[in-house]
Each structure stands twice: as C-alpha cells, then as structure tokens.
Amino acid sequence: MASTSDPNIVAQAFLAARAKKTPLTVYPGAIPQTMAGAYAIQDAAIALDGRRIGGWKVGRIAADLVDRYGGNRLTGPIFSDEIVDAGAGQVPAMPVYAAGFAAAEAEVLLCFGEVGTHDYDLSSVRDCIADVRTGIEIASSPFIEINRHGPAVTASDYGNNKGLILGPSIPDWRETDLIVMPVEMAIDGETVGAATMEAMLDGPFGSALFLIRTLRARGIAITPGTWVSAGAITGIHEIRPGQRAEAVFDGKIRVSCSITG
C-alpha cells in the first residue's frame, strides 16, 4: 500500500484509520505531488464517507510553496455531524485523534447564502454571505506528520479537519473592519497566540472567494447555509485530550471547547 497512487485506496486507508482511531506513522500511499492529486484523494474519501458536508475549512499555503502548488490556499470538507453550535456560550467536548495530530485554531466563520453562478470578486463576494460568526476549528488527523509534508498531503486527508465550533455572531459585520479585529487563543487559560486578520492574505472574504472558485472547478455545489472556516488567525495550536481551548474576539466575544480522545 505504501507505493500506491490510486486515490481510492489512499482514501480507504484514511477512512479506516479515522474510523478505528488508528494512528498512521507513514503516509498510506504515494505522497500526492499536486493539489489536483490531493483533491482526487479527498473527493474519493468524501464519496466513500457518505456524510453530508456542512462546511469547508480553508488553510494557507506557505509563501515558498505557492509556485509549486499553484495557489496560496487549500480546502477540506467539514461534515455536518461535526459542526457544533455554541453560540449561546456552551462549551462542547470535541474529539480528536489522540495518537495522531490535533490542534485548535481561532477562526472567523462565514455562512453562505445563495451563491448562484455570479462571477464574484473580493468586494462583491460579501453579497452572498448571510452571517459571520466567531469560532474554533478542530484540526486533527490520524496521520501524525500531516503538516510536515506539504499542503497536498494536508488537503488529501480532509484538509486536516475534525470539527467546527460555531461561536456568537459578529454584530454589524458588514460595517466592521474584520481585518483589524484583535483575536487571542488560550489553552488551559494560558495565551498561546494573539493576532489580527491582517496576516491572512486578503482576509476571510478572500477565503470565501477562493472556496467558491475552487469548488466550482471541482464541480461541487455550495448550498445555502454552508460554512467556511476562513483560516487560522493566531496560529495552529497543538492540543491534547483533557485540555480546553478558548478564543476571544475583539476582547469580548468568547468561544470555548474541551478536547476528548
């Protein structure tokens, strides 16, 4: 299996490892060298998985890898049964692959309304956004080294996603300059990251625009109510079962979760 490039076989291996929570110490096939190869594995896994997709995570590709992979972002599915609404202050327990890779990321979450077939740009893409909320993405994979082999490997296993916590909405988001909003992330009460969205390429709406164009190219429809987790703001913070993550947006909007194995 270690030498196969068949996307279905690689996808099956990832699905089996996720279902059994079995750690993968080596990539289960030939490492994809392009984003097209990565998305072929991802598409095969989505088809085999059969669950409904409720959103998509968007991650950044490092600047020194942009030319090689043909873009500066990647994406992966977030399944509906792993999206938890904590907008009223709940602290959900979110499972991870304890023997694999696990992290929590503070993110702004955009909810699509009707996207249609319009040719959007960075300004007009706001017109198809119905809501903007605060949140935390749970990044986890049974492949321990998922982030050490480049963006194609990350994308091939659901973009390294294992869940999404929907925090409170950002009031007046259409009139708010989201780019300069301060965001902090803490694990077990200790601050592990602080930043604004100024370092996120062209910001969360750029992530939404990227997702529309990428999914259209892959023949995947965006239904109203689909979420986009727009990218890590304060960094990728590794976490383990028993710990608690809390993201604070604009000094006052809090989103929290505990981590389980």
Protein backbone atom coordinates (compact mmCIF):
# COMPACT_ATOMS: atom_id res chain seq x y z
CA MET A 1 0.00 0.00 0.00
CA ALA A 2 2.89 2.34 0.65
CA SER A 3 3.56 2.78 -3.07
CA THR A 4 0.03 3.03 -4.44
CA SER A 5 -1.10 6.22 -6.16
CA ASP A 6 -4.71 5.05 -6.52
CA PRO A 7 -6.76 7.79 -4.80
CA ASN A 8 -9.46 5.31 -3.78
CA ILE A 9 -7.01 3.07 -1.94
CA VAL A 10 -5.39 6.01 -0.15
CA ALA A 11 -8.84 7.38 0.74
CA GLN A 12 -9.91 3.99 2.10
CA ALA A 13 -6.80 3.86 4.29
CA PHE A 14 -7.53 7.29 5.75
CA LEU A 15 -11.18 6.41 6.35
CA ALA A 16 -10.24 3.17 8.10
CA ALA A 17 -7.71 4.97 10.31
CA ARG A 18 -10.27 7.64 11.20
CA ALA A 19 -12.99 5.08 11.95
CA LYS A 20 -10.73 2.95 14.17
CA LYS A 21 -8.71 5.90 15.55
CA THR A 22 -5.60 4.08 14.42
CA PRO A 23 -2.50 6.28 14.14
CA LEU A 24 -0.69 6.42 10.82
CA THR A 25 3.06 6.82 11.19
CA VAL A 26 3.65 6.87 7.41
CA TYR A 27 1.54 8.22 4.58
CA PRO A 28 -0.73 5.41 3.31
CA GLY A 29 0.37 5.56 -0.33
CA ALA A 30 2.39 7.64 -2.74
CA ILE A 31 2.52 11.23 -1.46
CA PRO A 32 0.49 13.47 -3.81
CA GLN A 33 2.68 15.99 -5.60
CA THR A 34 -0.06 18.37 -6.78
CA MET A 35 -3.24 19.85 -5.39
CA ALA A 36 -5.16 18.05 -8.14
CA GLY A 37 -3.78 14.77 -6.84
CA ALA A 38 -4.69 15.73 -3.27
CA TYR A 39 -8.25 16.67 -4.20
CA ALA A 40 -8.65 13.39 -6.12
CA ILE A 41 -7.98 11.56 -2.84
CA GLN A 42 -10.23 13.96 -0.94
CA ASP A 43 -13.06 13.52 -3.45
CA ALA A 44 -12.74 9.73 -3.24
CA ALA A 45 -12.90 9.89 0.56
CA ILE A 46 -15.96 12.16 0.51
CA ALA A 47 -17.76 9.74 -1.81
CA LEU A 48 -16.85 6.73 0.33
CA ASP A 49 -17.66 8.53 3.59
CA GLY A 50 -21.22 9.39 2.58
CA ARG A 51 -21.85 12.01 5.27
CA ARG A 52 -23.35 15.40 4.45
CA ILE A 53 -20.91 18.29 4.16
CA GLY A 54 -21.92 21.34 6.19
CA GLY A 55 -18.89 23.50 5.53
CA TRP A 56 -15.33 23.78 4.28
CA LYS A 57 -12.11 24.76 6.02
CA VAL A 58 -9.65 26.99 4.21
CA GLY A 59 -5.96 26.94 5.09
CA ARG A 60 -2.96 28.90 3.92
CA ILE A 61 -0.17 27.52 1.74
CA ALA A 62 3.24 28.84 2.77
CA ALA A 63 4.63 31.56 0.51
CA ASP A 64 7.65 29.50 -0.52
CA LEU A 65 5.35 26.71 -1.77
CA VAL A 66 2.86 28.84 -3.74
CA ASP A 67 4.59 28.47 -7.10
CA ARG A 68 5.00 24.72 -6.70
CA TYR A 69 1.35 24.11 -5.79
CA GLY A 70 -0.23 26.81 -7.92
CA GLY A 71 -2.01 28.80 -5.24
CA ASN A 72 -1.87 30.17 -1.72
CA ARG A 73 -4.78 28.30 -0.09
CA LEU A 74 -6.16 24.78 0.31
CA THR A 75 -9.52 23.44 1.43
CA GLY A 76 -11.13 20.41 3.04
CA PRO A 77 -14.66 19.34 4.00
CA ILE A 78 -16.29 19.82 7.39
CA PHE A 79 -19.06 17.28 7.92
CA SER A 80 -22.40 18.41 9.35
CA ASP A 81 -22.28 15.95 12.24
CA GLU A 82 -19.00 17.54 13.38
CA ILE A 83 -20.29 21.13 13.39
CA VAL A 84 -21.42 22.23 16.86
CA ASP A 85 -23.38 25.40 17.59
CA ALA A 86 -22.01 27.02 20.76
CA GLY A 87 -23.39 30.48 20.07
CA ALA A 88 -25.12 30.65 23.43
CA GLY A 89 -21.93 30.08 25.39
CA GLN A 90 -21.87 26.28 25.52
CA VAL A 91 -18.52 24.52 25.94
CA PRO A 92 -18.77 21.43 23.72
CA ALA A 93 -16.47 18.44 24.00
CA MET A 94 -14.68 17.96 20.69
CA PRO A 95 -12.97 14.66 19.84
CA VAL A 96 -9.53 14.42 18.24
CA TYR A 97 -7.19 11.65 17.16
CA ALA A 98 -5.16 11.49 20.36
CA ALA A 99 -2.44 9.30 18.84
CA GLY A 100 -2.29 11.38 15.66
CA PHE A 101 -2.16 15.14 15.10
CA ALA A 102 -4.53 17.53 16.93
CA ALA A 103 -4.77 21.32 17.11
CA ALA A 104 -7.24 24.13 17.76
CA GLU A 105 -7.44 27.29 15.66
CA ALA A 106 -9.27 30.57 16.23
CA GLU A 107 -11.15 31.38 13.04
CA VAL A 108 -13.81 33.65 11.59
CA LEU A 109 -16.66 31.63 10.09
CA LEU A 110 -18.68 32.81 7.10
CA CYS A 111 -22.08 31.37 6.25
CA PHE A 112 -23.06 31.33 2.59
CA GLY A 113 -26.48 32.40 1.46
CA GLU A 114 -27.43 31.94 -2.19
CA VAL A 115 -24.22 31.78 -4.22
CA GLY A 116 -25.66 31.09 -7.67
CA THR A 117 -23.46 31.41 -10.74
CA HIS A 118 -22.31 35.01 -10.29
CA ASP A 119 -18.67 35.82 -11.06
CA TYR A 120 -17.59 37.33 -7.73
CA ASP A 121 -14.63 39.47 -6.80
CA LEU A 122 -13.27 40.35 -3.36
CA SER A 123 -15.80 43.14 -2.91
CA SER A 124 -18.94 41.52 -4.31
CA VAL A 125 -18.43 38.15 -2.60
CA ARG A 126 -19.79 39.78 0.57
CA ASP A 127 -23.19 39.85 -1.13
CA CYS A 128 -23.57 36.07 -0.85
CA ILE A 129 -22.55 35.91 2.82
CA ALA A 130 -25.53 35.58 5.17
CA ASP A 131 -23.76 35.60 8.54
CA VAL A 132 -20.31 35.93 10.09
CA ARG A 133 -19.53 34.19 13.35
CA THR A 134 -16.60 33.61 15.63
CA GLY A 135 -15.37 30.07 16.07
CA ILE A 136 -12.75 27.40 16.61
CA GLU A 137 -11.67 24.82 14.06
CA ILE A 138 -10.51 21.46 15.35
CA ALA A 139 -7.68 20.24 13.14
CA SER A 140 -6.93 16.56 13.60
CA SER A 141 -5.78 13.59 11.56
CA PRO A 142 -4.67 10.04 12.33
CA PHE A 143 -1.54 10.83 10.25
CA ILE A 144 0.85 12.20 12.85
CA GLU A 145 3.00 14.06 10.31
CA ILE A 146 0.14 15.52 8.26
CA ASN A 147 1.55 19.06 8.38
CA ARG A 148 5.16 18.09 7.67
CA HIS A 149 4.90 17.00 4.03
CA GLY A 150 3.36 19.99 2.29
CA PRO A 151 -0.15 21.24 1.51
CA ALA A 152 -1.11 18.41 -0.84
CA VAL A 153 -0.74 15.88 1.97
CA THR A 154 -2.74 18.12 4.32
CA ALA A 155 -5.53 18.53 1.75
CA SER A 156 -5.66 14.81 0.98
CA ASP A 157 -6.96 13.94 4.46
CA TYR A 158 -9.96 16.28 4.64
CA GLY A 159 -7.63 19.26 4.92
CA ASN A 160 -6.76 18.05 8.45
CA ASN A 161 -10.26 18.87 9.75
CA LYS A 162 -12.10 17.13 12.58
CA GLY A 163 -14.78 19.61 13.56
CA LEU A 164 -16.01 23.17 13.91
CA ILE A 165 -17.44 25.15 16.83
CA LEU A 166 -19.78 27.97 15.86
CA GLY A 167 -19.42 30.83 18.32
CA PRO A 168 -21.51 34.00 18.59
CA SER A 169 -22.13 36.13 15.52
CA ILE A 170 -20.09 39.27 14.96
CA PRO A 171 -22.59 42.12 15.22
CA ASP A 172 -22.70 44.62 12.36
CA TRP A 173 -20.11 42.60 10.46
CA ARG A 174 -20.92 44.36 7.19
CA GLU A 175 -19.82 47.67 8.71
CA THR A 176 -16.94 46.24 10.78
CA ASP A 177 -13.36 46.13 9.57
CA LEU A 178 -12.76 42.47 10.40
CA ILE A 179 -9.14 42.67 9.28
CA VAL A 180 -8.07 44.72 12.32
CA MET A 181 -10.12 42.85 14.94
CA PRO A 182 -7.82 41.52 17.70
CA VAL A 183 -8.03 37.78 18.36
CA GLU A 184 -6.46 35.74 21.15
CA MET A 185 -6.26 32.00 21.71
CA ALA A 186 -5.68 30.34 25.08
CA ILE A 187 -5.21 26.70 26.07
CA ASP A 188 -5.97 25.85 29.67
CA GLY A 189 -6.11 29.56 30.42
CA GLU A 190 -2.66 30.36 29.04
CA THR A 191 -2.44 32.61 25.97
CA VAL A 192 -0.75 30.77 23.11
CA GLY A 193 -1.40 33.22 20.28
CA ALA A 194 -2.61 36.74 19.52
CA ALA A 195 -3.03 38.42 16.14
CA THR A 196 -5.36 40.19 13.75
CA MET A 197 -6.53 39.04 10.32
CA GLU A 198 -4.08 41.40 8.60
CA ALA A 199 -1.70 38.47 8.11
CA MET A 200 -4.41 36.33 6.43
CA LEU A 201 -3.59 37.15 2.81
CA ASP A 202 -6.69 39.07 1.63
CA GLY A 203 -8.71 38.18 4.73
CA PRO A 204 -11.75 36.00 5.38
CA PHE A 205 -13.66 37.21 2.33
CA GLY A 206 -10.67 36.24 0.22
CA SER A 207 -11.05 32.74 1.67
CA ALA A 208 -14.72 32.71 0.66
CA LEU A 209 -13.83 33.81 -2.87
CA PHE A 210 -11.13 31.12 -3.11
CA LEU A 211 -13.60 28.49 -1.95
CA ILE A 212 -16.26 29.44 -4.50
CA ARG A 213 -13.77 29.28 -7.35
CA THR A 214 -12.14 26.05 -6.15
CA LEU A 215 -15.39 24.16 -5.56
CA ARG A 216 -16.79 25.29 -8.90
CA ALA A 217 -13.67 23.94 -10.60
CA ARG A 218 -14.23 20.63 -8.81
CA GLY A 219 -17.93 20.52 -9.74
CA ILE A 220 -19.10 20.86 -6.12
CA ALA A 221 -22.18 22.97 -5.43
CA ILE A 222 -22.36 25.39 -2.50
CA THR A 223 -25.79 25.19 -0.86
CA PRO A 224 -27.19 27.99 1.30
CA GLY A 225 -26.14 27.51 4.91
CA THR A 226 -22.69 26.17 4.04
CA TRP A 227 -19.98 27.39 6.41
CA VAL A 228 -16.44 28.39 5.52
CA SER A 229 -13.83 28.33 8.26
CA ALA A 230 -11.70 31.11 6.83
CA GLY A 231 -8.24 30.29 8.18
CA ALA A 232 -6.18 30.26 11.37
CA ILE A 233 -5.76 33.75 12.78
CA THR A 234 -3.43 33.24 15.74
CA GLY A 235 -1.73 30.08 14.51
CA ILE A 236 -2.12 26.30 14.67
CA HIS A 237 -2.04 25.38 18.36
CA GLU A 238 -1.45 21.74 19.15
CA ILE A 239 -3.74 20.35 21.82
CA ARG A 240 -4.48 17.05 23.54
CA PRO A 241 -7.43 15.37 25.28
CA GLY A 242 -8.23 16.86 28.66
CA GLN A 243 -7.31 20.40 27.63
CA ARG A 244 -9.58 23.35 26.99
CA ALA A 245 -9.30 25.93 24.23
CA GLU A 246 -10.77 29.42 24.29
CA ALA A 247 -10.72 32.05 21.55
CA VAL A 248 -11.50 35.68 22.33
CA PHE A 249 -12.51 38.04 19.51
CA ASP A 250 -12.43 41.82 19.87
CA GLY A 251 -11.70 41.41 23.58
CA LYS A 252 -15.26 40.34 24.39
CA ILE A 253 -16.65 37.54 22.20
CA ARG A 254 -15.64 34.16 23.64
CA VAL A 255 -15.73 30.69 22.12
CA SER A 256 -14.60 27.65 24.11
CA CYS A 257 -14.39 23.88 23.88
CA SER A 258 -12.88 20.95 25.72
CA ILE A 259 -10.91 18.23 23.95
CA THR A 260 -11.58 14.50 24.18
CA GLY A 261 -9.89 11.45 22.68
